[in-house]
Amino acid sequence: MKTEIDWRDKQGESISFEKWTELLNDNTYRVIGLTGGKIRVSTVWLGISHGQNDKGAPLIFETMVFGGPDDGECVRYATEKEAVRGHLLRRKRAYKSTMKVKGEP
């Protein structure tokens, strides 16, 4: 069975392999958000469809969490707006998980 690779730009439009390679090597295009510290949250444009959302749109963005209680969490999105929102949400959760509650050792 032959599987076709579906390369997409940030707007979800089909692009050539050559254009995808060019954009993938451009960190200012590829990286949506990167949060450091004890818990890292990374959100990037993948440019390759990793399935579809419930509306049939290709999932071309990904957020991953490294460290903390959500370590290994991976969420994919169809739009840059969703990806930014998801990044901010996970960054907020990561920050809250590192805060000490008053009275805890």
PDB file of N, CA and C in Angstrom:
ATOM      1  N   MET A   1       0.838  -1.178   0.000  1.00  0.00           N
ATOM      2  CA  MET A   1       0.000   0.000   0.000  1.00  0.00           C
ATOM      3  C   MET A   1       0.886   1.245   0.000  1.00  0.00           C
ATOM      4  N   LYS A   2       0.686   2.135  -0.935  1.00  0.00           N
ATOM      5  CA  LYS A   2       1.457   3.368  -1.038  1.00  0.00           C
ATOM      6  C   LYS A   2       0.774   4.466  -0.228  1.00  0.00           C
ATOM      7  N   THR A   3       1.552   5.151   0.584  1.00  0.00           N
ATOM      8  CA  THR A   3       1.028   6.256   1.378  1.00  0.00           C
ATOM      9  C   THR A   3       1.597   7.553   0.842  1.00  0.00           C
ATOM     10  N   GLU A   4       0.736   8.490   0.513  1.00  0.00           N
ATOM     11  CA  GLU A   4       1.156   9.808   0.044  1.00  0.00           C
ATOM     12  C   GLU A   4       1.423  10.708   1.236  1.00  0.00           C
ATOM     13  N   ILE A   5       2.516  11.454   1.192  1.00  0.00           N
ATOM     14  CA  ILE A   5       2.803  12.431   2.235  1.00  0.00           C
ATOM     15  C   ILE A   5       2.161  13.741   1.817  1.00  0.00           C
ATOM     16  N   ASP A   6       1.499  14.369   2.778  1.00  0.00           N
ATOM     17  CA  ASP A   6       0.745  15.599   2.535  1.00  0.00           C
ATOM     18  C   ASP A   6       1.460  16.764   3.205  1.00  0.00           C
ATOM     19  N   TRP A   7       2.282  17.520   2.446  1.00  0.00           N
ATOM     20  CA  TRP A   7       3.014  18.659   2.991  1.00  0.00           C
ATOM     21  C   TRP A   7       2.120  19.881   2.944  1.00  0.00           C
ATOM     22  N   ARG A   8       2.123  20.654   4.052  1.00  0.00           N
ATOM     23  CA  ARG A   8       1.262  21.838   4.169  1.00  0.00           C
ATOM     24  C   ARG A   8       2.041  23.006   4.766  1.00  0.00           C
ATOM     25  N   ASP A   9       1.685  24.229   4.342  1.00  0.00           N
ATOM     26  CA  ASP A   9       2.261  25.409   4.981  1.00  0.00           C
ATOM     27  C   ASP A   9       1.425  25.756   6.213  1.00  0.00           C
ATOM     28  N   LYS A  10       1.742  26.838   6.892  1.00  0.00           N
ATOM     29  CA  LYS A  10       1.039  27.202   8.126  1.00  0.00           C
ATOM     30  C   LYS A  10      -0.441  27.505   7.902  1.00  0.00           C
ATOM     31  N   GLN A  11      -0.784  27.895   6.696  1.00  0.00           N
ATOM     32  CA  GLN A  11      -2.181  28.184   6.385  1.00  0.00           C
ATOM     33  C   GLN A  11      -2.955  26.928   5.988  1.00  0.00           C
ATOM     34  N   GLY A  12      -2.257  25.792   5.955  1.00  0.00           N
ATOM     35  CA  GLY A  12      -2.902  24.534   5.606  1.00  0.00           C
ATOM     36  C   GLY A  12      -2.950  24.255   4.118  1.00  0.00           C
ATOM     37  N   GLU A  13      -2.280  25.099   3.331  1.00  0.00           N
ATOM     38  CA  GLU A  13      -2.264  24.918   1.877  1.00  0.00           C
ATOM     39  C   GLU A  13      -1.207  23.890   1.487  1.00  0.00           C
ATOM     40  N   SER A  14      -1.500  23.077   0.481  1.00  0.00           N
ATOM     41  CA  SER A  14      -0.535  22.087  -0.008  1.00  0.00           C
ATOM     42  C   SER A  14       0.698  22.779  -0.577  1.00  0.00           C
ATOM     43  N   ILE A  15       1.868  22.217  -0.271  1.00  0.00           N
ATOM     44  CA  ILE A  15       3.124  22.749  -0.792  1.00  0.00           C
ATOM     45  C   ILE A  15       3.984  21.582  -1.276  1.00  0.00           C
ATOM     46  N   SER A  16       5.019  21.895  -2.037  1.00  0.00           N
ATOM     47  CA  SER A  16       5.930  20.869  -2.547  1.00  0.00           C
ATOM     48  C   SER A  16       6.888  20.423  -1.441  1.00  0.00           C
ATOM     49  N   PHE A  17       7.514  19.287  -1.653  1.00  0.00           N
ATOM     50  CA  PHE A  17       8.521  18.800  -0.716  1.00  0.00           C
ATOM     51  C   PHE A  17       9.651  19.814  -0.580  1.00  0.00           C
ATOM     52  N   GLU A  18      10.057  20.410  -1.684  1.00  0.00           N
ATOM     53  CA  GLU A  18      11.146  21.379  -1.667  1.00  0.00           C
ATOM     54  C   GLU A  18      10.797  22.590  -0.812  1.00  0.00           C
ATOM     55  N   LYS A  19       9.570  23.102  -0.957  1.00  0.00           N
ATOM     56  CA  LYS A  19       9.125  24.251  -0.159  1.00  0.00           C
ATOM     57  C   LYS A  19       9.032  23.857   1.311  1.00  0.00           C
ATOM     58  N   TRP A  20       8.520  22.662   1.610  1.00  0.00           N
ATOM     59  CA  TRP A  20       8.423  22.175   2.989  1.00  0.00           C
ATOM     60  C   TRP A  20       9.816  22.119   3.626  1.00  0.00           C
ATOM     61  N   THR A  21      10.809  21.598   2.890  1.00  0.00           N
ATOM     62  CA  THR A  21      12.179  21.503   3.388  1.00  0.00           C
ATOM     63  C   THR A  21      12.730  22.891   3.705  1.00  0.00           C
ATOM     64  N   GLU A  22      12.484  23.836   2.816  1.00  0.00           N
ATOM     65  CA  GLU A  22      12.944  25.214   3.025  1.00  0.00           C
ATOM     66  C   GLU A  22      12.327  25.805   4.305  1.00  0.00           C
ATOM     67  N   LEU A  23      11.023  25.655   4.457  1.00  0.00           N
ATOM     68  CA  LEU A  23      10.333  26.200   5.628  1.00  0.00           C
ATOM     69  C   LEU A  23      10.729  25.483   6.914  1.00  0.00           C
ATOM     70  N   LEU A  24      10.936  24.188   6.839  1.00  0.00           N
ATOM     71  CA  LEU A  24      11.320  23.399   8.010  1.00  0.00           C
ATOM     72  C   LEU A  24      12.671  23.848   8.573  1.00  0.00           C
ATOM     73  N   ASN A  25      13.562  24.295   7.703  1.00  0.00           N
ATOM     74  CA  ASN A  25      14.880  24.750   8.128  1.00  0.00           C
ATOM     75  C   ASN A  25      14.893  26.191   8.626  1.00  0.00           C
ATOM     76  N   ASP A  26      13.761  26.864   8.561  1.00  0.00           N
ATOM     77  CA  ASP A  26      13.627  28.245   9.022  1.00  0.00           C
ATOM     78  C   ASP A  26      13.005  28.238  10.422  1.00  0.00           C
ATOM     79  N   ASN A  27      13.837  28.344  11.465  1.00  0.00           N
ATOM     80  CA  ASN A  27      13.336  28.274  12.839  1.00  0.00           C
ATOM     81  C   ASN A  27      12.305  29.343  13.163  1.00  0.00           C
ATOM     82  N   THR A  28      12.418  30.524  12.544  1.00  0.00           N
ATOM     83  CA  THR A  28      11.434  31.572  12.829  1.00  0.00           C
ATOM     84  C   THR A  28      10.064  31.190  12.261  1.00  0.00           C
ATOM     85  N   TYR A  29      10.038  30.370  11.240  1.00  0.00           N
ATOM     86  CA  TYR A  29       8.773  29.885  10.680  1.00  0.00           C
ATOM     87  C   TYR A  29       8.282  28.665  11.448  1.00  0.00           C
ATOM     88  N   ARG A  30       9.186  27.763  11.764  1.00  0.00           N
ATOM     89  CA  ARG A  30       8.832  26.463  12.341  1.00  0.00           C
ATOM     90  C   ARG A  30       8.437  26.529  13.813  1.00  0.00           C
ATOM     91  N   VAL A  31       9.178  27.284  14.621  1.00  0.00           N
ATOM     92  CA  VAL A  31       8.937  27.307  16.067  1.00  0.00           C
ATOM     93  C   VAL A  31       7.843  28.318  16.394  1.00  0.00           C
ATOM     94  N   ILE A  32       6.763  27.815  17.017  1.00  0.00           N
ATOM     95  CA  ILE A  32       5.640  28.664  17.414  1.00  0.00           C
ATOM     96  C   ILE A  32       5.862  29.169  18.832  1.00  0.00           C
ATOM     97  N   GLY A  33       6.324  28.309  19.702  1.00  0.00           N
ATOM     98  CA  GLY A  33       6.588  28.688  21.088  1.00  0.00           C
ATOM     99  C   GLY A  33       7.537  27.700  21.738  1.00  0.00           C
ATOM    100  N   LEU A  34       8.404  28.214  22.594  1.00  0.00           N
ATOM    101  CA  LEU A  34       9.345  27.372  23.313  1.00  0.00           C
ATOM    102  C   LEU A  34       9.498  27.965  24.705  1.00  0.00           C
ATOM    103  N   THR A  35       9.120  27.179  25.714  1.00  0.00           N
ATOM    104  CA  THR A  35       9.189  27.623  27.096  1.00  0.00           C
ATOM    105  C   THR A  35      10.207  26.760  27.817  1.00  0.00           C
ATOM    106  N   GLY A  36      11.167  27.410  28.484  1.00  0.00           N
ATOM    107  CA  GLY A  36      12.222  26.682  29.169  1.00  0.00           C
ATOM    108  C   GLY A  36      11.958  26.537  30.655  1.00  0.00           C
ATOM    109  N   GLY A  37      12.972  26.110  31.368  1.00  0.00           N
ATOM    110  CA  GLY A  37      12.860  25.906  32.808  1.00  0.00           C
ATOM    111  C   GLY A  37      12.844  24.426  33.139  1.00  0.00           C
ATOM    112  N   LYS A  38      12.373  24.104  34.341  1.00  0.00           N
ATOM    113  CA  LYS A  38      12.306  22.701  34.764  1.00  0.00           C
ATOM    114  C   LYS A  38      11.355  21.904  33.877  1.00  0.00           C
ATOM    115  N   ILE A  39      10.324  22.572  33.404  1.00  0.00           N
ATOM    116  CA  ILE A  39       9.360  21.939  32.496  1.00  0.00           C
ATOM    117  C   ILE A  39       9.419  22.703  31.184  1.00  0.00           C
ATOM    118  N   ARG A  40       9.669  21.986  30.096  1.00  0.00           N
ATOM    119  CA  ARG A  40       9.729  22.636  28.778  1.00  0.00           C
ATOM    120  C   ARG A  40       8.445  22.360  28.007  1.00  0.00           C
ATOM    121  N   VAL A  41       7.967  23.377  27.342  1.00  0.00           N
ATOM    122  CA  VAL A  41       6.802  23.249  26.466  1.00  0.00           C
ATOM    123  C   VAL A  41       7.253  23.719  25.088  1.00  0.00           C
ATOM    124  N   SER A  42       7.087  22.864  24.098  1.00  0.00           N
ATOM    125  CA  SER A  42       7.523  23.160  22.738  1.00  0.00           C
ATOM    126  C   SER A  42       6.341  23.049  21.792  1.00  0.00           C
ATOM    127  N   THR A  43       6.127  24.101  20.993  1.00  0.00           N
ATOM    128  CA  THR A  43       5.066  24.077  19.984  1.00  0.00           C
ATOM    129  C   THR A  43       5.692  24.432  18.643  1.00  0.00           C
ATOM    130  N   VAL A  44       5.498  23.545  17.664  1.00  0.00           N
ATOM    131  CA  VAL A  44       6.117  23.725  16.354  1.00  0.00           C
ATOM    132  C   VAL A  44       5.140  23.421  15.222  1.00  0.00           C
ATOM    133  N   TRP A  45       5.455  23.989  14.081  1.00  0.00           N
ATOM    134  CA  TRP A  45       4.775  23.646  12.835  1.00  0.00           C
ATOM    135  C   TRP A  45       5.496  22.423  12.290  1.00  0.00           C
ATOM    136  N   LEU A  46       4.740  21.375  12.012  1.00  0.00           N
ATOM    137  CA  LEU A  46       5.310  20.147  11.460  1.00  0.00           C
ATOM    138  C   LEU A  46       5.293  20.166   9.938  1.00  0.00           C
ATOM    139  N   GLY A  47       4.216  20.688   9.388  1.00  0.00           N
ATOM    140  CA  GLY A  47       4.103  20.778   7.941  1.00  0.00           C
ATOM    141  C   GLY A  47       3.731  19.489   7.244  1.00  0.00           C
ATOM    142  N   ILE A  48       3.588  18.423   8.005  1.00  0.00           N
ATOM    143  CA  ILE A  48       3.139  17.141   7.463  1.00  0.00           C
ATOM    144  C   ILE A  48       1.879  16.773   8.221  1.00  0.00           C
ATOM    145  N   SER A  49       0.858  16.420   7.503  1.00  0.00           N
ATOM    146  CA  SER A  49      -0.406  16.073   8.147  1.00  0.00           C
ATOM    147  C   SER A  49      -0.258  14.791   8.966  1.00  0.00           C
ATOM    148  N   HIS A  50      -0.585  14.898  10.254  1.00  0.00           N
ATOM    149  CA  HIS A  50      -0.555  13.754  11.174  1.00  0.00           C
ATOM    150  C   HIS A  50      -1.979  13.406  11.562  1.00  0.00           C
ATOM    151  N   GLY A  51      -2.805  13.171  10.574  1.00  0.00           N
ATOM    152  CA  GLY A  51      -4.211  12.881  10.829  1.00  0.00           C
ATOM    153  C   GLY A  51      -5.059  14.116  10.592  1.00  0.00           C
ATOM    154  N   GLN A  52      -6.306  14.034  11.027  1.00  0.00           N
ATOM    155  CA  GLN A  52      -7.250  15.131  10.824  1.00  0.00           C
ATOM    156  C   GLN A  52      -8.032  15.377  12.096  1.00  0.00           C
ATOM    157  N   ASN A  53      -8.480  16.636  12.251  1.00  0.00           N
ATOM    158  CA  ASN A  53      -9.352  16.929  13.382  1.00  0.00           C
ATOM    159  C   ASN A  53     -10.776  16.510  13.035  1.00  0.00           C
ATOM    160  N   ASP A  54     -11.724  16.781  13.913  1.00  0.00           N
ATOM    161  CA  ASP A  54     -13.108  16.352  13.691  1.00  0.00           C
ATOM    162  C   ASP A  54     -13.773  17.057  12.512  1.00  0.00           C
ATOM    163  N   LYS A  55     -13.145  18.118  11.984  1.00  0.00           N
ATOM    164  CA  LYS A  55     -13.676  18.827  10.817  1.00  0.00           C
ATOM    165  C   LYS A  55     -12.958  18.422   9.533  1.00  0.00           C
ATOM    166  N   GLY A  56     -12.022  17.488   9.649  1.00  0.00           N
ATOM    167  CA  GLY A  56     -11.306  17.008   8.475  1.00  0.00           C
ATOM    168  C   GLY A  56     -10.069  17.805   8.114  1.00  0.00           C
ATOM    169  N   ALA A  57      -9.711  18.788   8.946  1.00  0.00           N
ATOM    170  CA  ALA A  57      -8.527  19.603   8.660  1.00  0.00           C
ATOM    171  C   ALA A  57      -7.256  18.850   9.068  1.00  0.00           C
ATOM    172  N   PRO A  58      -6.186  18.969   8.281  1.00  0.00           N
ATOM    173  CA  PRO A  58      -4.936  18.271   8.610  1.00  0.00           C
ATOM    174  C   PRO A  58      -4.296  18.835   9.880  1.00  0.00           C
ATOM    175  N   LEU A  59      -3.744  17.949  10.689  1.00  0.00           N
ATOM    176  CA  LEU A  59      -3.068  18.345  11.933  1.00  0.00           C
ATOM    177  C   LEU A  59      -1.598  18.572  11.629  1.00  0.00           C
ATOM    178  N   ILE A  60      -1.194  19.842  11.568  1.00  0.00           N
ATOM    179  CA  ILE A  60       0.147  20.193  11.108  1.00  0.00           C
ATOM    180  C   ILE A  60       0.980  20.946  12.151  1.00  0.00           C
ATOM    181  N   PHE A  61       0.443  21.125  13.349  1.00  0.00           N
ATOM    182  CA  PHE A  61       1.158  21.758  14.458  1.00  0.00           C
ATOM    183  C   PHE A  61       1.170  20.793  15.630  1.00  0.00           C
ATOM    184  N   GLU A  62       2.190  20.909  16.500  1.00  0.00           N
ATOM    185  CA  GLU A  62       2.290  19.987  17.627  1.00  0.00           C
ATOM    186  C   GLU A  62       2.868  20.691  18.850  1.00  0.00           C
ATOM    187  N   THR A  63       2.253  20.428  20.004  1.00  0.00           N
ATOM    188  CA  THR A  63       2.792  20.872  21.290  1.00  0.00           C
ATOM    189  C   THR A  63       3.201  19.642  22.075  1.00  0.00           C
ATOM    190  N   MET A  64       4.404  19.701  22.664  1.00  0.00           N
ATOM    191  CA  MET A  64       4.879  18.620  23.533  1.00  0.00           C
ATOM    192  C   MET A  64       5.352  19.209  24.843  1.00  0.00           C
ATOM    193  N   VAL A  65       5.145  18.435  25.918  1.00  0.00           N
ATOM    194  CA  VAL A  65       5.574  18.833  27.252  1.00  0.00           C
ATOM    195  C   VAL A  65       6.675  17.877  27.700  1.00  0.00           C
ATOM    196  N   PHE A  66       7.762  18.453  28.222  1.00  0.00           N
ATOM    197  CA  PHE A  66       8.895  17.667  28.697  1.00  0.00           C
ATOM    198  C   PHE A  66       9.132  18.001  30.162  1.00  0.00           C
ATOM    199  N   GLY A  67       8.864  17.043  31.033  1.00  0.00           N
ATOM    200  CA  GLY A  67       9.031  17.240  32.469  1.00  0.00           C
ATOM    201  C   GLY A  67       7.716  17.531  33.159  1.00  0.00           C
ATOM    202  N   GLY A  68       7.729  17.449  34.468  1.00  0.00           N
ATOM    203  CA  GLY A  68       6.547  17.763  35.259  1.00  0.00           C
ATOM    204  C   GLY A  68       5.457  16.709  35.147  1.00  0.00           C
ATOM    205  N   PRO A  69       4.300  16.996  35.723  1.00  0.00           N
ATOM    206  CA  PRO A  69       3.212  16.014  35.748  1.00  0.00           C
ATOM    207  C   PRO A  69       2.634  15.681  34.365  1.00  0.00           C
ATOM    208  N   ASP A  70       2.823  16.574  33.391  1.00  0.00           N
ATOM    209  CA  ASP A  70       2.304  16.336  32.035  1.00  0.00           C
ATOM    210  C   ASP A  70       3.387  15.846  31.078  1.00  0.00           C
ATOM    211  N   ASP A  71       4.518  15.366  31.627  1.00  0.00           N
ATOM    212  CA  ASP A  71       5.638  14.907  30.808  1.00  0.00           C
ATOM    213  C   ASP A  71       5.168  13.930  29.729  1.00  0.00           C
ATOM    214  N   GLY A  72       5.574  14.199  28.501  1.00  0.00           N
ATOM    215  CA  GLY A  72       5.231  13.320  27.395  1.00  0.00           C
ATOM    216  C   GLY A  72       3.927  13.661  26.697  1.00  0.00           C
ATOM    217  N   GLU A  73       3.188  14.630  27.242  1.00  0.00           N
ATOM    218  CA  GLU A  73       1.923  15.005  26.603  1.00  0.00           C
ATOM    219  C   GLU A  73       2.213  15.571  25.215  1.00  0.00           C
ATOM    220  N   CYS A  74       1.434  15.133  24.249  1.00  0.00           N
ATOM    221  CA  CYS A  74       1.572  15.578  22.867  1.00  0.00           C
ATOM    222  C   CYS A  74       0.180  15.875  22.326  1.00  0.00           C
ATOM    223  N   VAL A  75      -0.001  17.105  21.835  1.00  0.00           N
ATOM    224  CA  VAL A  75      -1.288  17.509  21.282  1.00  0.00           C
ATOM    225  C   VAL A  75      -1.026  18.113  19.905  1.00  0.00           C
ATOM    226  N   ARG A  76      -1.859  17.746  18.939  1.00  0.00           N
ATOM    227  CA  ARG A  76      -1.698  18.275  17.581  1.00  0.00           C
ATOM    228  C   ARG A  76      -2.881  19.157  17.210  1.00  0.00           C
ATOM    229  N   TYR A  77      -2.605  20.128  16.335  1.00  0.00           N
ATOM    230  CA  TYR A  77      -3.604  21.136  15.962  1.00  0.00           C
ATOM    231  C   TYR A  77      -3.618  21.345  14.449  1.00  0.00           C
ATOM    232  N   ALA A  78      -4.732  21.861  13.977  1.00  0.00           N
ATOM    233  CA  ALA A  78      -4.889  22.145  12.552  1.00  0.00           C
ATOM    234  C   ALA A  78      -4.478  23.570  12.193  1.00  0.00           C
ATOM    235  N   THR A  79      -4.605  24.509  13.136  1.00  0.00           N
ATOM    236  CA  THR A  79      -4.307  25.910  12.826  1.00  0.00           C
ATOM    237  C   THR A  79      -3.261  26.478  13.781  1.00  0.00           C
ATOM    238  N   GLU A  80      -2.596  27.521  13.322  1.00  0.00           N
ATOM    239  CA  GLU A  80      -1.602  28.188  14.163  1.00  0.00           C
ATOM    240  C   GLU A  80      -2.271  28.816  15.381  1.00  0.00           C
ATOM    241  N   LYS A  81      -3.466  29.355  15.203  1.00  0.00           N
ATOM    242  CA  LYS A  81      -4.202  29.959  16.323  1.00  0.00           C
ATOM    243  C   LYS A  81      -4.459  28.917  17.419  1.00  0.00           C
ATOM    244  N   GLU A  82      -4.906  27.728  17.035  1.00  0.00           N
ATOM    245  CA  GLU A  82      -5.120  26.647  18.015  1.00  0.00           C
ATOM    246  C   GLU A  82      -3.803  26.267  18.684  1.00  0.00           C
ATOM    247  N   ALA A  83      -2.727  26.219  17.904  1.00  0.00           N
ATOM    248  CA  ALA A  83      -1.414  25.831  18.428  1.00  0.00           C
ATOM    249  C   ALA A  83      -0.910  26.842  19.460  1.00  0.00           C
ATOM    250  N   VAL A  84      -1.072  28.132  19.172  1.00  0.00           N
ATOM    251  CA  VAL A  84      -0.655  29.174  20.118  1.00  0.00           C
ATOM    252  C   VAL A  84      -1.476  29.062  21.398  1.00  0.00           C
ATOM    253  N   ARG A  85      -2.776  28.889  21.262  1.00  0.00           N
ATOM    254  CA  ARG A  85      -3.660  28.749  22.423  1.00  0.00           C
ATOM    255  C   ARG A  85      -3.251  27.526  23.257  1.00  0.00           C
ATOM    256  N   GLY A  86      -2.995  26.408  22.583  1.00  0.00           N
ATOM    257  CA  GLY A  86      -2.586  25.187  23.268  1.00  0.00           C
ATOM    258  C   GLY A  86      -1.248  25.346  23.975  1.00  0.00           C
ATOM    259  N   HIS A  87      -0.318  26.057  23.339  1.00  0.00           N
ATOM    260  CA  HIS A  87       0.987  26.301  23.945  1.00  0.00           C
ATOM    261  C   HIS A  87       0.830  27.116  25.229  1.00  0.00           C
ATOM    262  N   LEU A  88       0.057  28.189  25.156  1.00  0.00           N
ATOM    263  CA  LEU A  88      -0.136  29.049  26.322  1.00  0.00           C
ATOM    264  C   LEU A  88      -0.812  28.295  27.467  1.00  0.00           C
ATOM    265  N   LEU A  89      -1.770  27.449  27.141  1.00  0.00           N
ATOM    266  CA  LEU A  89      -2.453  26.652  28.160  1.00  0.00           C
ATOM    267  C   LEU A  89      -1.479  25.703  28.853  1.00  0.00           C
ATOM    268  N   ARG A  90      -0.674  25.000  28.076  1.00  0.00           N
ATOM    269  CA  ARG A  90       0.262  24.052  28.657  1.00  0.00           C
ATOM    270  C   ARG A  90       1.381  24.759  29.415  1.00  0.00           C
ATOM    271  N   ARG A  91       1.785  25.932  28.935  1.00  0.00           N
ATOM    272  CA  ARG A  91       2.792  26.725  29.645  1.00  0.00           C
ATOM    273  C   ARG A  91       2.251  27.163  31.009  1.00  0.00           C
ATOM    274  N   LYS A  92       0.999  27.581  31.037  1.00  0.00           N
ATOM    275  CA  LYS A  92       0.361  27.996  32.295  1.00  0.00           C
ATOM    276  C   LYS A  92       0.276  26.820  33.267  1.00  0.00           C
ATOM    277  N   ARG A  93      -0.124  25.644  32.762  1.00  0.00           N
ATOM    278  CA  ARG A  93      -0.196  24.458  33.618  1.00  0.00           C
ATOM    279  C   ARG A  93       1.183  24.072  34.145  1.00  0.00           C
ATOM    280  N   ALA A  94       2.200  24.191  33.303  1.00  0.00           N
ATOM    281  CA  ALA A  94       3.564  23.864  33.727  1.00  0.00           C
ATOM    282  C   ALA A  94       4.013  24.817  34.827  1.00  0.00           C
ATOM    283  N   TYR A  95       3.736  26.101  34.652  1.00  0.00           N
ATOM    284  CA  TYR A  95       4.116  27.102  35.647  1.00  0.00           C
ATOM    285  C   TYR A  95       3.421  26.816  36.978  1.00  0.00           C
ATOM    286  N   LYS A  96       2.120  26.531  36.923  1.00  0.00           N
ATOM    287  CA  LYS A  96       1.370  26.248  38.149  1.00  0.00           C
ATOM    288  C   LYS A  96       1.911  25.012  38.861  1.00  0.00           C
ATOM    289  N   SER A  97       2.345  24.019  38.113  1.00  0.00           N
ATOM    290  CA  SER A  97       2.833  22.796  38.736  1.00  0.00           C
ATOM    291  C   SER A  97       4.168  22.997  39.440  1.00  0.00           C
ATOM    292  N   THR A  98       4.903  24.067  39.104  1.00  0.00           N
ATOM    293  CA  THR A  98       6.181  24.330  39.735  1.00  0.00           C
ATOM    294  C   THR A  98       6.052  25.258  40.950  1.00  0.00           C
ATOM    295  N   MET A  99       4.883  25.843  41.139  1.00  0.00           N
ATOM    296  CA  MET A  99       4.664  26.749  42.270  1.00  0.00           C
ATOM    297  C   MET A  99       4.479  25.935  43.546  1.00  0.00           C
ATOM    298  N   LYS A 100       5.095  26.377  44.603  1.00  0.00           N
ATOM    299  CA  LYS A 100       4.936  25.715  45.896  1.00  0.00           C
ATOM    300  C   LYS A 100       3.711  26.275  46.601  1.00  0.00           C
ATOM    301  N   VAL A 101       2.939  25.413  47.162  1.00  0.00           N
ATOM    302  CA  VAL A 101       1.785  25.835  47.933  1.00  0.00           C
ATOM    303  C   VAL A 101       2.286  26.213  49.326  1.00  0.00           C
ATOM    304  N   LYS A 102       1.800  27.338  49.843  1.00  0.00           N
ATOM    305  CA  LYS A 102       2.221  27.827  51.155  1.00  0.00           C
ATOM    306  C   LYS A 102       1.999  26.740  52.211  1.00  0.00           C
ATOM    307  N   GLY A 103       3.015  26.499  52.997  1.00  0.00           N
ATOM    308  CA  GLY A 103       2.932  25.499  54.040  1.00  0.00           C
ATOM    309  C   GLY A 103       3.478  24.141  53.641  1.00  0.00           C
ATOM    310  N   GLU A 104       3.750  23.943  52.328  1.00  0.00           N
ATOM    311  CA  GLU A 104       4.333  22.671  51.887  1.00  0.00           C
ATOM    312  C   GLU A 104       5.842  22.715  52.099  1.00  0.00           C
ATOM    313  N   PRO A 105       6.429  21.578  52.361  1.00  0.00           N
ATOM    314  CA  PRO A 105       7.903  21.545  52.545  1.00  0.00           C
ATOM    315  C   PRO A 105       8.641  21.867  51.258  1.00  0.00           C
TER     316      PRO A 105
END
